[in-house]
C-alpha cells in the first residue's frame, strides 16, 4: 500500500510515521525545500519534530503530483486556512476511489464550512463518498514518539472510515469509527477556542476551579452549536469532544492554551503569534464561532469573549468579569 500525506507540519509528519507502519511507502508533501530535504536525508523534521526519528518508508517531496500518484489513501494535514488553496492545486492529481481524510481542525472564516464541507465544495461529486475526518486528543509530538493515542475517524460511508481505521492501526495508535462527521468536526474545531480561554485563566492565575468551569461550560457551548448543525450530542462526550477539549485546555503542548496564557499575561496577540512556528487554529476559529453564533442564534459566551479579546482588543480580565456577571440561569435549561 502507498499512502500520501499533504502537509509536512508536526501532525502531518507524525501521521506519516503512523501510516508507514502499514504502508510500503508514504509520500509526504511539504512547501519548504529545507524541511523536505532533511526528512529524506536525516529522517527527521528539524523544523517541527526535532530529534524524533521518521520512518525510512516516508519520502518527502515538494511536488504534489509526485506525492499523490498511486496513493491508496490521502491525508490532508494543512492548516484549515490553507486547505482550499492546497486542495485546488492538488485536485488534478488526486486518485479516485480512495479515502481522502482531513485532520485539520478549523472552520473556514469566509464560508463557515467545516473541512469536509470545504472538500466537497472544492471537489467533483465522485470524490464526496470518500471524504473522512480524523479528530481526537492527539498531540503530534506524542504521536510521533509512538506514545499511546486514541482518536475518532468519521465518514458518511462506514466502509471509508473502516479503511482508514485499518490503514492507521498500530500497537500505539487506535481509532474508533463514526458516521457523525458534523459532531466530530465541531468538537475538534471549537475546542481550540475554549482552550484559548482556559489558557487565559491560567495566565491570569485564576486557579483550577476556573479552568474546570471553562472546560465544562465550554463543552456545553460546543454541544449546543454542534447539535444545531445536526450532530449527535453523544459524540461531544467522546474522544473528539470532551477528550480533545480536556487535552487542549490542560496539556503543556497545546498551542492554543499557550496563546491564551500569553494573552492572560498581557501580551498582544500579533507578538504572540509572531513567536510561534505553528498555527494556533483557535485564533481564526474564534471568528468563525462568532459568525456562526450570529447566523444560528446559538449563544456561545466563552467563544464570544475570546473573539472580542483576539479581534477587538478587549482586556482579558474584563472578559472574565463579563462572563461571571451574566444573568443567572439553570444549568441544564440555558446558556
C-alpha atoms as a PDB file:
ATOM      1  CA  UNK A   1       0.000   0.000   0.000  1.00  0.00           C
ATOM      2  CA  UNK A   2       1.133   3.549  -0.751  1.00  0.00           C
ATOM      3  CA  UNK A   3      -0.086   6.426   1.390  1.00  0.00           C
ATOM      4  CA  UNK A   4       0.083  10.162   0.825  1.00  0.00           C
ATOM      5  CA  UNK A   5       0.142  12.964   3.400  1.00  0.00           C
ATOM      6  CA  UNK A   6      -0.296  16.563   2.246  1.00  0.00           C
ATOM      7  CA  UNK A   7       1.306  18.851   4.807  1.00  0.00           C
ATOM      8  CA  UNK A   8       4.687  18.403   6.499  1.00  0.00           C
ATOM      9  CA  UNK A   9       3.912  20.214   9.739  1.00  0.00           C
ATOM     10  CA  UNK A  10       4.138  18.400  13.050  1.00  0.00           C
ATOM     11  CA  UNK A  11       0.862  16.485  12.787  1.00  0.00           C
ATOM     12  CA  UNK A  12       1.222  15.595   9.113  1.00  0.00           C
ATOM     13  CA  UNK A  13       4.738  14.278   9.718  1.00  0.00           C
ATOM     14  CA  UNK A  14       3.662  12.356  12.810  1.00  0.00           C
ATOM     15  CA  UNK A  15       0.744  10.772  10.960  1.00  0.00           C
ATOM     16  CA  UNK A  16       3.038   9.831   8.061  1.00  0.00           C
ATOM     17  CA  UNK A  17       5.111   7.948  10.619  1.00  0.00           C
ATOM     18  CA  UNK A  18       1.982   6.100  11.794  1.00  0.00           C
ATOM     19  CA  UNK A  19       0.887   5.321   8.246  1.00  0.00           C
ATOM     20  CA  UNK A  20       4.363   3.970   7.436  1.00  0.00           C
ATOM     21  CA  UNK A  21       3.781   1.044   9.804  1.00  0.00           C
ATOM     22  CA  UNK A  22       1.231  -0.445   7.402  1.00  0.00           C
ATOM     23  CA  UNK A  23       2.408   1.064   4.086  1.00  0.00           C
ATOM     24  CA  UNK A  24       5.334   0.117   1.910  1.00  0.00           C
ATOM     25  CA  UNK A  25       5.775   3.789   1.117  1.00  0.00           C
ATOM     26  CA  UNK A  26       4.366   7.112   2.338  1.00  0.00           C
ATOM     27  CA  UNK A  27       4.808  10.252   0.270  1.00  0.00           C
ATOM     28  CA  UNK A  28       4.833  13.411   2.389  1.00  0.00           C
ATOM     29  CA  UNK A  29       4.278  16.743   0.627  1.00  0.00           C
ATOM     30  CA  UNK A  30       5.658  19.972   2.075  1.00  0.00           C
ATOM     31  CA  UNK A  31       6.215  23.548   0.917  1.00  0.00           C
ATOM     32  CA  UNK A  32       9.648  24.056   2.467  1.00  0.00           C
ATOM     33  CA  UNK A  33      12.559  22.525   0.485  1.00  0.00           C
ATOM     34  CA  UNK A  34      14.802  22.528   3.544  1.00  0.00           C
ATOM     35  CA  UNK A  35      12.323  20.504   5.603  1.00  0.00           C
ATOM     36  CA  UNK A  36      11.754  18.080   2.709  1.00  0.00           C
ATOM     37  CA  UNK A  37      15.493  17.553   2.266  1.00  0.00           C
ATOM     38  CA  UNK A  38      16.017  16.956   5.981  1.00  0.00           C
ATOM     39  CA  UNK A  39      13.245  14.350   6.087  1.00  0.00           C
ATOM     40  CA  UNK A  40      14.784  12.491   3.139  1.00  0.00           C
ATOM     41  CA  UNK A  41      18.420  12.678   4.227  1.00  0.00           C
ATOM     42  CA  UNK A  42      18.287  12.814   8.028  1.00  0.00           C
ATOM     43  CA  UNK A  43      14.923  11.054   8.593  1.00  0.00           C
ATOM     44  CA  UNK A  44      13.911  13.882  10.872  1.00  0.00           C
ATOM     45  CA  UNK A  45      11.743  17.002  10.623  1.00  0.00           C
ATOM     46  CA  UNK A  46      14.027  19.545  12.343  1.00  0.00           C
ATOM     47  CA  UNK A  47      11.507  22.358  11.988  1.00  0.00           C
ATOM     48  CA  UNK A  48       8.571  20.766  13.796  1.00  0.00           C
ATOM     49  CA  UNK A  49       9.659  17.440  15.354  1.00  0.00           C
ATOM     50  CA  UNK A  50      13.328  17.904  16.115  1.00  0.00           C
ATOM     51  CA  UNK A  51      15.052  14.817  17.476  1.00  0.00           C
ATOM     52  CA  UNK A  52      12.214  12.395  16.658  1.00  0.00           C
ATOM     53  CA  UNK A  53      13.113   9.706  14.073  1.00  0.00           C
ATOM     54  CA  UNK A  54      10.979   9.419  10.944  1.00  0.00           C
ATOM     55  CA  UNK A  55      10.491   6.080   9.224  1.00  0.00           C
ATOM     56  CA  UNK A  56      12.654   5.397   6.171  1.00  0.00           C
ATOM     57  CA  UNK A  57       9.425   4.462   4.380  1.00  0.00           C
ATOM     58  CA  UNK A  58       8.449   8.147   4.430  1.00  0.00           C
ATOM     59  CA  UNK A  59       9.626  10.020   1.350  1.00  0.00           C
ATOM     60  CA  UNK A  60       9.117  13.796   1.283  1.00  0.00           C
ATOM     61  CA  UNK A  61       8.591  15.945  -1.796  1.00  0.00           C
ATOM     62  CA  UNK A  62       7.616  19.489  -2.812  1.00  0.00           C
ATOM     63  CA  UNK A  63       5.822  18.116  -5.905  1.00  0.00           C
ATOM     64  CA  UNK A  64       2.099  17.455  -5.421  1.00  0.00           C
ATOM     65  CA  UNK A  65       1.886  15.175  -8.453  1.00  0.00           C
ATOM     66  CA  UNK A  66       4.725  13.032  -7.118  1.00  0.00           C
ATOM     67  CA  UNK A  67       3.132  12.947  -3.674  1.00  0.00           C
ATOM     68  CA  UNK A  68      -0.281  11.822  -4.924  1.00  0.00           C
ATOM     69  CA  UNK A  69       0.439   9.498  -7.859  1.00  0.00           C
ATOM     70  CA  UNK A  70      -0.527   5.922  -6.988  1.00  0.00           C
ATOM     71  CA  UNK A  71      -1.753   6.772  -3.477  1.00  0.00           C
ATOM     72  CA  UNK A  72      -4.325   4.413  -1.958  1.00  0.00           C
ATOM     73  CA  UNK A  73      -5.110   6.788   0.898  1.00  0.00           C
ATOM     74  CA  UNK A  74      -4.665  10.575   1.083  1.00  0.00           C
ATOM     75  CA  UNK A  75      -4.358  12.550   4.317  1.00  0.00           C
ATOM     76  CA  UNK A  76      -4.870  16.328   4.199  1.00  0.00           C
ATOM     77  CA  UNK A  77      -2.857  17.861   7.041  1.00  0.00           C
ATOM     78  CA  UNK A  78      -2.601  21.509   6.017  1.00  0.00           C
ATOM     79  CA  UNK A  79      -3.795  24.306   8.339  1.00  0.00           C
ATOM     80  CA  UNK A  80      -7.504  24.943   7.832  1.00  0.00           C
ATOM     81  CA  UNK A  81      -6.990  28.389   6.285  1.00  0.00           C
ATOM     82  CA  UNK A  82      -4.667  26.894   3.623  1.00  0.00           C
ATOM     83  CA  UNK A  83      -6.742  23.818   2.801  1.00  0.00           C
ATOM     84  CA  UNK A  84      -8.767  25.332  -0.040  1.00  0.00           C
ATOM     85  CA  UNK A  85      -5.704  26.670  -1.829  1.00  0.00           C
ATOM     86  CA  UNK A  86      -3.704  23.442  -1.493  1.00  0.00           C
ATOM     87  CA  UNK A  87      -6.663  21.278  -2.473  1.00  0.00           C
ATOM     88  CA  UNK A  88      -7.190  23.333  -5.639  1.00  0.00           C
ATOM     89  CA  UNK A  89      -3.567  22.692  -6.615  1.00  0.00           C
ATOM     90  CA  UNK A  90      -3.793  19.006  -5.720  1.00  0.00           C
ATOM     91  CA  UNK A  91      -7.124  18.307  -7.462  1.00  0.00           C
ATOM     92  CA  UNK A  92      -5.680  17.362 -10.875  1.00  0.00           C
ATOM     93  CA  UNK A  93      -3.556  14.646  -9.243  1.00  0.00           C
ATOM     94  CA  UNK A  94      -5.973  13.219  -6.669  1.00  0.00           C
ATOM     95  CA  UNK A  95      -6.548   9.485  -7.144  1.00  0.00           C
ATOM     96  CA  UNK A  96     -10.168   8.387  -7.484  1.00  0.00           C
ATOM     97  CA  UNK A  97     -11.929   5.858  -5.276  1.00  0.00           C
ATOM     98  CA  UNK A  98      -9.555   6.174  -2.294  1.00  0.00           C
ATOM     99  CA  UNK A  99     -10.170   7.660   1.166  1.00  0.00           C
ATOM    100  CA  UNK A 100      -9.500  11.400   1.465  1.00  0.00           C
ATOM    101  CA  UNK A 101      -9.132  12.111   5.159  1.00  0.00           C
ATOM    102  CA  UNK A 102      -8.709  15.566   6.678  1.00  0.00           C
ATOM    103  CA  UNK A 103      -7.024  16.105  10.042  1.00  0.00           C
ATOM    104  CA  UNK A 104      -7.337  19.921  10.053  1.00  0.00           C
ATOM    105  CA  UNK A 105      -9.339  21.295  12.995  1.00  0.00           C
ATOM    106  CA  UNK A 106     -10.922  24.504  11.836  1.00  0.00           C
ATOM    107  CA  UNK A 107     -13.908  26.229  10.225  1.00  0.00           C
ATOM    108  CA  UNK A 108     -13.251  28.383   7.174  1.00  0.00           C
ATOM    109  CA  UNK A 109     -13.766  32.052   8.040  1.00  0.00           C
ATOM    110  CA  UNK A 110     -15.328  33.261   4.810  1.00  0.00           C
ATOM    111  CA  UNK A 111     -17.774  30.390   4.201  1.00  0.00           C
ATOM    112  CA  UNK A 112     -18.210  28.915   7.717  1.00  0.00           C
ATOM    113  CA  UNK A 113     -17.677  25.476   6.171  1.00  0.00           C
ATOM    114  CA  UNK A 114     -16.120  22.594   8.073  1.00  0.00           C
ATOM    115  CA  UNK A 115     -13.153  20.909   6.404  1.00  0.00           C
ATOM    116  CA  UNK A 116     -15.200  18.048   4.913  1.00  0.00           C
ATOM    117  CA  UNK A 117     -17.737  20.557   3.599  1.00  0.00           C
ATOM    118  CA  UNK A 118     -14.875  22.554   2.118  1.00  0.00           C
ATOM    119  CA  UNK A 119     -13.520  19.409   0.448  1.00  0.00           C
ATOM    120  CA  UNK A 120     -16.933  18.663  -1.035  1.00  0.00           C
ATOM    121  CA  UNK A 121     -17.167  22.276  -2.192  1.00  0.00           C
ATOM    122  CA  UNK A 122     -13.814  22.021  -3.980  1.00  0.00           C
ATOM    123  CA  UNK A 123     -14.011  18.511  -5.444  1.00  0.00           C
ATOM    124  CA  UNK A 124     -16.269  16.857  -8.016  1.00  0.00           C
ATOM    125  CA  UNK A 125     -19.141  14.779  -6.643  1.00  0.00           C
ATOM    126  CA  UNK A 126     -17.420  11.474  -7.431  1.00  0.00           C
ATOM    127  CA  UNK A 127     -14.916  12.223  -4.622  1.00  0.00           C
ATOM    128  CA  UNK A 128     -17.534  13.044  -1.969  1.00  0.00           C
ATOM    129  CA  UNK A 129     -18.297   9.485  -0.724  1.00  0.00           C
ATOM    130  CA  UNK A 130     -14.614   9.004   0.106  1.00  0.00           C
ATOM    131  CA  UNK A 131     -14.233  12.083   2.313  1.00  0.00           C
ATOM    132  CA  UNK A 132     -13.456  11.446   6.002  1.00  0.00           C
ATOM    133  CA  UNK A 133     -12.153  13.260   9.079  1.00  0.00           C
ATOM    134  CA  UNK A 134      -9.798  12.232  11.885  1.00  0.00           C
ATOM    135  CA  UNK A 135     -10.001  14.039  15.218  1.00  0.00           C
ATOM    136  CA  UNK A 136      -9.413  13.451  18.903  1.00  0.00           C
ATOM    137  CA  UNK A 137      -6.892  14.029  21.710  1.00  0.00           C
ATOM    138  CA  UNK A 138      -3.599  13.755  19.858  1.00  0.00           C
ATOM    139  CA  UNK A 139      -0.545  15.958  20.338  1.00  0.00           C
ATOM    140  CA  UNK A 140       1.795  15.469  17.381  1.00  0.00           C
ATOM    141  CA  UNK A 141       4.965  15.050  19.440  1.00  0.00           C
ATOM    142  CA  UNK A 142       3.480  12.218  21.482  1.00  0.00           C
ATOM    143  CA  UNK A 143       2.034  10.624  18.357  1.00  0.00           C
ATOM    144  CA  UNK A 144       5.432  10.784  16.619  1.00  0.00           C
ATOM    145  CA  UNK A 145       7.137   9.271  19.660  1.00  0.00           C
ATOM    146  CA  UNK A 146       4.729   6.315  19.442  1.00  0.00           C
ATOM    147  CA  UNK A 147       3.030   7.114  22.730  1.00  0.00           C
ATOM    148  CA  UNK A 148      -0.490   5.616  23.075  1.00  0.00           C
ATOM    149  CA  UNK A 149      -3.053   7.724  21.207  1.00  0.00           C
ATOM    150  CA  UNK A 150      -6.760   7.115  20.531  1.00  0.00           C
ATOM    151  CA  UNK A 151      -8.865   9.123  18.047  1.00  0.00           C
ATOM    152  CA  UNK A 152     -12.118   9.059  16.071  1.00  0.00           C
ATOM    153  CA  UNK A 153     -12.396   8.657  12.294  1.00  0.00           C
ATOM    154  CA  UNK A 154     -15.721   9.760  10.859  1.00  0.00           C
ATOM    155  CA  UNK A 155     -17.206   9.371   7.389  1.00  0.00           C
ATOM    156  CA  UNK A 156     -20.722   9.302   5.995  1.00  0.00           C
ATOM    157  CA  UNK A 157     -19.781   5.957   4.443  1.00  0.00           C
ATOM    158  CA  UNK A 158     -18.824   3.328   7.045  1.00  0.00           C
ATOM    159  CA  UNK A 159     -16.514   1.483   4.663  1.00  0.00           C
ATOM    160  CA  UNK A 160     -14.337   4.557   4.152  1.00  0.00           C
ATOM    161  CA  UNK A 161     -13.884   5.086   7.897  1.00  0.00           C
ATOM    162  CA  UNK A 162     -13.070   1.397   8.297  1.00  0.00           C
ATOM    163  CA  UNK A 163     -10.452   1.517   5.527  1.00  0.00           C
ATOM    164  CA  UNK A 164      -8.790   4.477   7.230  1.00  0.00           C
ATOM    165  CA  UNK A 165      -9.009   2.716  10.577  1.00  0.00           C
ATOM    166  CA  UNK A 166      -7.267  -0.362   9.210  1.00  0.00           C
ATOM    167  CA  UNK A 167      -4.518   1.608   7.478  1.00  0.00           C
ATOM    168  CA  UNK A 168      -3.684   3.582  10.635  1.00  0.00           C
ATOM    169  CA  UNK A 169      -3.986   0.832  13.258  1.00  0.00           C
ATOM    170  CA  UNK A 170      -0.739   0.180  15.158  1.00  0.00           C
ATOM    171  CA  UNK A 171       0.223  -1.049  18.615  1.00  0.00           C
ATOM    172  CA  UNK A 172       0.247   2.582  19.860  1.00  0.00           C
ATOM    173  CA  UNK A 173      -2.393   4.217  17.651  1.00  0.00           C
ATOM    174  CA  UNK A 174      -6.040   3.208  17.885  1.00  0.00           C
ATOM    175  CA  UNK A 175      -9.107   4.722  16.254  1.00  0.00           C
ATOM    176  CA  UNK A 176     -12.860   4.333  16.579  1.00  0.00           C
ATOM    177  CA  UNK A 177     -15.191   4.885  13.625  1.00  0.00           C
ATOM    178  CA  UNK A 178     -18.212   7.170  13.477  1.00  0.00           C
ATOM    179  CA  UNK A 179     -20.723   8.447  10.947  1.00  0.00           C
ATOM    180  CA  UNK A 180     -21.189  11.748  12.834  1.00  0.00           C
ATOM    181  CA  UNK A 181     -18.978  13.847  10.567  1.00  0.00           C
ATOM    182  CA  UNK A 182     -20.555  17.074  11.856  1.00  0.00           C
ATOM    183  CA  UNK A 183     -20.093  16.376  15.567  1.00  0.00           C
ATOM    184  CA  UNK A 184     -16.508  15.191  15.206  1.00  0.00           C
ATOM    185  CA  UNK A 185     -15.530  18.353  13.350  1.00  0.00           C
ATOM    186  CA  UNK A 186     -17.311  20.873  15.562  1.00  0.00           C
ATOM    187  CA  UNK A 187     -15.766  19.248  18.610  1.00  0.00           C
ATOM    188  CA  UNK A 188     -12.290  19.402  17.091  1.00  0.00           C
ATOM    189  CA  UNK A 189     -12.568  22.983  15.874  1.00  0.00           C
ATOM    190  CA  UNK A 190     -14.340  24.758  18.738  1.00  0.00           C
ATOM    191  CA  UNK A 191     -12.291  23.151  21.497  1.00  0.00           C
ATOM    192  CA  UNK A 192      -9.360  25.259  20.278  1.00  0.00           C
ATOM    193  CA  UNK A 193     -11.285  28.443  21.077  1.00  0.00           C
ATOM    194  CA  UNK A 194     -12.188  27.160  24.539  1.00  0.00           C
ATOM    195  CA  UNK A 195      -8.522  26.230  25.081  1.00  0.00           C
ATOM    196  CA  UNK A 196      -7.528  29.848  24.488  1.00  0.00           C
ATOM    197  CA  UNK A 197      -9.988  30.851  27.215  1.00  0.00           C
ATOM    198  CA  UNK A 198      -8.611  28.189  29.568  1.00  0.00           C
ATOM    199  CA  UNK A 199      -5.096  29.405  28.881  1.00  0.00           C
ATOM    200  CA  UNK A 200      -6.101  32.981  29.651  1.00  0.00           C
ATOM    201  CA  UNK A 201      -7.489  31.901  33.002  1.00  0.00           C
ATOM    202  CA  UNK A 202      -4.192  30.157  33.750  1.00  0.00           C
ATOM    203  CA  UNK A 203      -2.204  33.188  32.591  1.00  0.00           C
ATOM    204  CA  UNK A 204      -4.276  35.374  34.909  1.00  0.00           C
ATOM    205  CA  UNK A 205      -3.606  32.977  37.799  1.00  0.00           C
ATOM    206  CA  UNK A 206      -7.276  32.154  38.343  1.00  0.00           C
ATOM    207  CA  UNK A 207      -6.738  28.599  39.519  1.00  0.00           C
ATOM    208  CA  UNK A 208      -8.094  25.119  38.890  1.00  0.00           C
ATOM    209  CA  UNK A 209     -11.716  25.965  39.693  1.00  0.00           C
ATOM    210  CA  UNK A 210     -11.857  28.473  36.856  1.00  0.00           C
ATOM    211  CA  UNK A 211     -10.226  26.071  34.409  1.00  0.00           C
ATOM    212  CA  UNK A 212     -12.721  23.322  35.262  1.00  0.00           C
ATOM    213  CA  UNK A 213     -15.606  25.744  34.795  1.00  0.00           C
ATOM    214  CA  UNK A 214     -14.325  26.852  31.388  1.00  0.00           C
ATOM    215  CA  UNK A 215     -13.915  23.250  30.212  1.00  0.00           C
ATOM    216  CA  UNK A 216     -17.389  22.255  31.397  1.00  0.00           C
ATOM    217  CA  UNK A 217     -19.266  25.290  30.138  1.00  0.00           C
ATOM    218  CA  UNK A 218     -17.146  25.273  27.005  1.00  0.00           C
ATOM    219  CA  UNK A 219     -18.319  21.756  26.249  1.00  0.00           C
ATOM    220  CA  UNK A 220     -21.906  22.961  26.700  1.00  0.00           C
ATOM    221  CA  UNK A 221     -21.316  25.676  24.096  1.00  0.00           C
ATOM    222  CA  UNK A 222     -19.727  23.289  21.623  1.00  0.00           C
ATOM    223  CA  UNK A 223     -22.551  20.795  22.048  1.00  0.00           C
ATOM    224  CA  UNK A 224     -25.282  23.397  21.573  1.00  0.00           C
ATOM    225  CA  UNK A 225     -23.860  24.585  18.273  1.00  0.00           C
ATOM    226  CA  UNK A 226     -22.935  21.119  17.011  1.00  0.00           C
ATOM    227  CA  UNK A 227     -26.417  19.772  17.727  1.00  0.00           C
ATOM    228  CA  UNK A 228     -27.959  22.773  15.960  1.00  0.00           C
ATOM    229  CA  UNK A 229     -25.840  21.835  12.935  1.00  0.00           C
ATOM    230  CA  UNK A 230     -27.051  18.227  13.063  1.00  0.00           C
ATOM    231  CA  UNK A 231     -24.592  16.426  15.349  1.00  0.00           C
ATOM    232  CA  UNK A 232     -25.339  13.611  17.773  1.00  0.00           C
ATOM    233  CA  UNK A 233     -24.827  15.074  21.287  1.00  0.00           C
ATOM    234  CA  UNK A 234     -23.183  11.823  22.422  1.00  0.00           C
ATOM    235  CA  UNK A 235     -20.316  12.483  20.020  1.00  0.00           C
ATOM    236  CA  UNK A 236     -19.348  15.529  22.068  1.00  0.00           C
ATOM    237  CA  UNK A 237     -18.916  13.401  25.188  1.00  0.00           C
ATOM    238  CA  UNK A 238     -16.417  11.211  23.335  1.00  0.00           C
ATOM    239  CA  UNK A 239     -12.853  11.420  22.061  1.00  0.00           C
ATOM    240  CA  UNK A 240     -13.402  14.213  19.540  1.00  0.00           C
ATOM    241  CA  UNK A 241     -15.417  16.247  22.045  1.00  0.00           C
ATOM    242  CA  UNK A 242     -14.597  16.032  25.742  1.00  0.00           C
ATOM    243  CA  UNK A 243     -11.386  14.058  25.163  1.00  0.00           C
ATOM    244  CA  UNK A 244      -9.830  16.591  22.830  1.00  0.00           C
ATOM    245  CA  UNK A 245     -11.180  19.518  24.854  1.00  0.00           C
ATOM    246  CA  UNK A 246      -9.588  18.348  28.107  1.00  0.00           C
ATOM    247  CA  UNK A 247      -6.244  17.684  26.420  1.00  0.00           C
ATOM    248  CA  UNK A 248      -6.101  21.032  24.658  1.00  0.00           C
ATOM    249  CA  UNK A 249      -7.192  23.005  27.721  1.00  0.00           C
ATOM    250  CA  UNK A 250      -4.700  21.375  30.085  1.00  0.00           C
ATOM    251  CA  UNK A 251      -1.757  19.983  28.099  1.00  0.00           C
ATOM    252  CA  UNK A 252       1.591  21.752  28.136  1.00  0.00           C
ATOM    253  CA  UNK A 253       1.997  21.046  24.396  1.00  0.00           C
ATOM    254  CA  UNK A 254      -1.219  22.883  23.467  1.00  0.00           C
ATOM    255  CA  UNK A 255      -0.565  25.803  21.111  1.00  0.00           C
ATOM    256  CA  UNK A 256      -3.999  27.310  21.742  1.00  0.00           C
ATOM    257  CA  UNK A 257      -3.606  27.137  25.513  1.00  0.00           C
ATOM    258  CA  UNK A 258      -0.201  28.809  25.085  1.00  0.00           C
ATOM    259  CA  UNK A 259      -1.771  31.674  23.143  1.00  0.00           C
ATOM    260  CA  UNK A 260      -4.348  32.101  25.896  1.00  0.00           C
ATOM    261  CA  UNK A 261      -1.741  32.059  28.652  1.00  0.00           C
ATOM    262  CA  UNK A 262       0.281  34.761  26.942  1.00  0.00           C
ATOM    263  CA  UNK A 263      -2.854  36.871  26.436  1.00  0.00           C
ATOM    264  CA  UNK A 264      -3.642  36.434  30.125  1.00  0.00           C
ATOM    265  CA  UNK A 265      -0.180  37.731  30.959  1.00  0.00           C
ATOM    266  CA  UNK A 266      -0.910  40.894  28.984  1.00  0.00           C
ATOM    267  CA  UNK A 267       0.934  40.229  25.724  1.00  0.00           C
ATOM    268  CA  UNK A 268      -0.522  41.358  22.407  1.00  0.00           C
ATOM    269  CA  UNK A 269      -1.805  38.705  20.022  1.00  0.00           C
ATOM    270  CA  UNK A 270       0.364  39.696  16.992  1.00  0.00           C
ATOM    271  CA  UNK A 271       3.501  39.419  19.146  1.00  0.00           C
ATOM    272  CA  UNK A 272       2.450  36.008  20.467  1.00  0.00           C
ATOM    273  CA  UNK A 273       1.730  34.613  17.006  1.00  0.00           C
ATOM    274  CA  UNK A 274       4.969  36.045  15.591  1.00  0.00           C
ATOM    275  CA  UNK A 275       6.948  33.923  18.060  1.00  0.00           C
ATOM    276  CA  UNK A 276       5.189  30.663  17.087  1.00  0.00           C
ATOM    277  CA  UNK A 277       6.338  28.282  14.345  1.00  0.00           C
ATOM    278  CA  UNK A 278       2.962  26.582  14.007  1.00  0.00           C
ATOM    279  CA  UNK A 279      -0.630  27.699  13.680  1.00  0.00           C
ATOM    280  CA  UNK A 280      -2.932  28.054  16.686  1.00  0.00           C
ATOM    281  CA  UNK A 281      -6.194  27.200  14.913  1.00  0.00           C
ATOM    282  CA  UNK A 282      -8.354  28.646  17.689  1.00  0.00           C
ATOM    283  CA  UNK A 283      -7.475  32.235  16.754  1.00  0.00           C
ATOM    284  CA  UNK A 284      -9.140  32.066  13.337  1.00  0.00           C
ATOM    285  CA  UNK A 285     -11.857  29.719  14.582  1.00  0.00           C
ATOM    286  CA  UNK A 286     -12.886  32.298  17.192  1.00  0.00           C
ATOM    287  CA  UNK A 287     -14.074  34.498  14.326  1.00  0.00           C
ATOM    288  CA  UNK A 288     -15.932  31.606  12.690  1.00  0.00           C
ATOM    289  CA  UNK A 289     -17.548  30.758  16.038  1.00  0.00           C
ATOM    290  CA  UNK A 290     -18.726  34.345  16.487  1.00  0.00           C
ATOM    291  CA  UNK A 291     -20.169  34.401  12.968  1.00  0.00           C
ATOM    292  CA  UNK A 292     -21.856  31.012  13.420  1.00  0.00           C
ATOM    293  CA  UNK A 293     -23.395  32.226  16.671  1.00  0.00           C
ATOM    294  CA  UNK A 294     -24.868  35.243  14.912  1.00  0.00           C
ATOM    295  CA  UNK A 295     -26.064  33.133  11.987  1.00  0.00           C
ATOM    296  CA  UNK A 296     -27.690  30.345  14.022  1.00  0.00           C
ATOM    297  CA  UNK A 297     -28.802  32.279  17.103  1.00  0.00           C
ATOM    298  CA  UNK A 298     -26.903  29.862  19.358  1.00  0.00           C
ATOM    299  CA  UNK A 299     -25.228  31.721  22.228  1.00  0.00           C
ATOM    300  CA  UNK A 300     -21.514  30.994  22.709  1.00  0.00           C
ATOM    301  CA  UNK A 301     -20.482  33.239  25.628  1.00  0.00           C
ATOM    302  CA  UNK A 302     -16.927  31.931  26.080  1.00  0.00           C
ATOM    303  CA  UNK A 303     -16.170  31.851  22.349  1.00  0.00           C
ATOM    304  CA  UNK A 304     -17.580  35.361  22.026  1.00  0.00           C
ATOM    305  CA  UNK A 305     -15.258  36.731  24.703  1.00  0.00           C
ATOM    306  CA  UNK A 306     -12.264  35.072  23.039  1.00  0.00           C
ATOM    307  CA  UNK A 307     -13.291  36.733  19.782  1.00  0.00           C
ATOM    308  CA  UNK A 308     -13.511  40.151  21.472  1.00  0.00           C
ATOM    309  CA  UNK A 309     -10.064  39.723  23.012  1.00  0.00           C
ATOM    310  CA  UNK A 310      -8.439  38.440  19.811  1.00  0.00           C
ATOM    311  CA  UNK A 311     -10.102  40.775  17.298  1.00  0.00           C
ATOM    312  CA  UNK A 312     -11.275  43.832  19.190  1.00  0.00           C
ATOM    313  CA  UNK A 313      -8.579  44.198  21.837  1.00  0.00           C
ATOM    314  CA  UNK A 314     -10.739  43.557  24.882  1.00  0.00           C
ATOM    315  CA  UNK A 315      -8.935  43.164  28.198  1.00  0.00           C
ATOM    316  CA  UNK A 316      -8.823  39.534  29.382  1.00  0.00           C
ATOM    317  CA  UNK A 317      -9.714  40.408  32.995  1.00  0.00           C
ATOM    318  CA  UNK A 318     -12.754  42.365  31.846  1.00  0.00           C
ATOM    319  CA  UNK A 319     -13.854  39.402  29.748  1.00  0.00           C
ATOM    320  CA  UNK A 320     -13.813  37.148  32.821  1.00  0.00           C
ATOM    321  CA  UNK A 321     -15.864  39.671  34.802  1.00  0.00           C
ATOM    322  CA  UNK A 322     -18.418  39.852  31.996  1.00  0.00           C
ATOM    323  CA  UNK A 323     -18.728  36.056  31.931  1.00  0.00           C
ATOM    324  CA  UNK A 324     -19.114  35.805  35.707  1.00  0.00           C
ATOM    325  CA  UNK A 325     -21.737  38.540  35.947  1.00  0.00           C
ATOM    326  CA  UNK A 326     -24.052  37.256  33.233  1.00  0.00           C
ATOM    327  CA  UNK A 327     -27.738  36.704  34.129  1.00  0.00           C
ATOM    328  CA  UNK A 328     -28.047  33.684  36.479  1.00  0.00           C
ATOM    329  CA  UNK A 329     -29.670  30.657  34.834  1.00  0.00           C
ATOM    330  CA  UNK A 330     -30.457  26.992  35.344  1.00  0.00           C
ATOM    331  CA  UNK A 331     -27.502  24.842  34.313  1.00  0.00           C
ATOM    332  CA  UNK A 332     -29.468  22.494  32.059  1.00  0.00           C
ATOM    333  CA  UNK A 333     -32.006  24.869  30.608  1.00  0.00           C
ATOM    334  CA  UNK A 334     -29.943  27.714  29.216  1.00  0.00           C
ATOM    335  CA  UNK A 335     -26.562  29.178  28.347  1.00  0.00           C
END
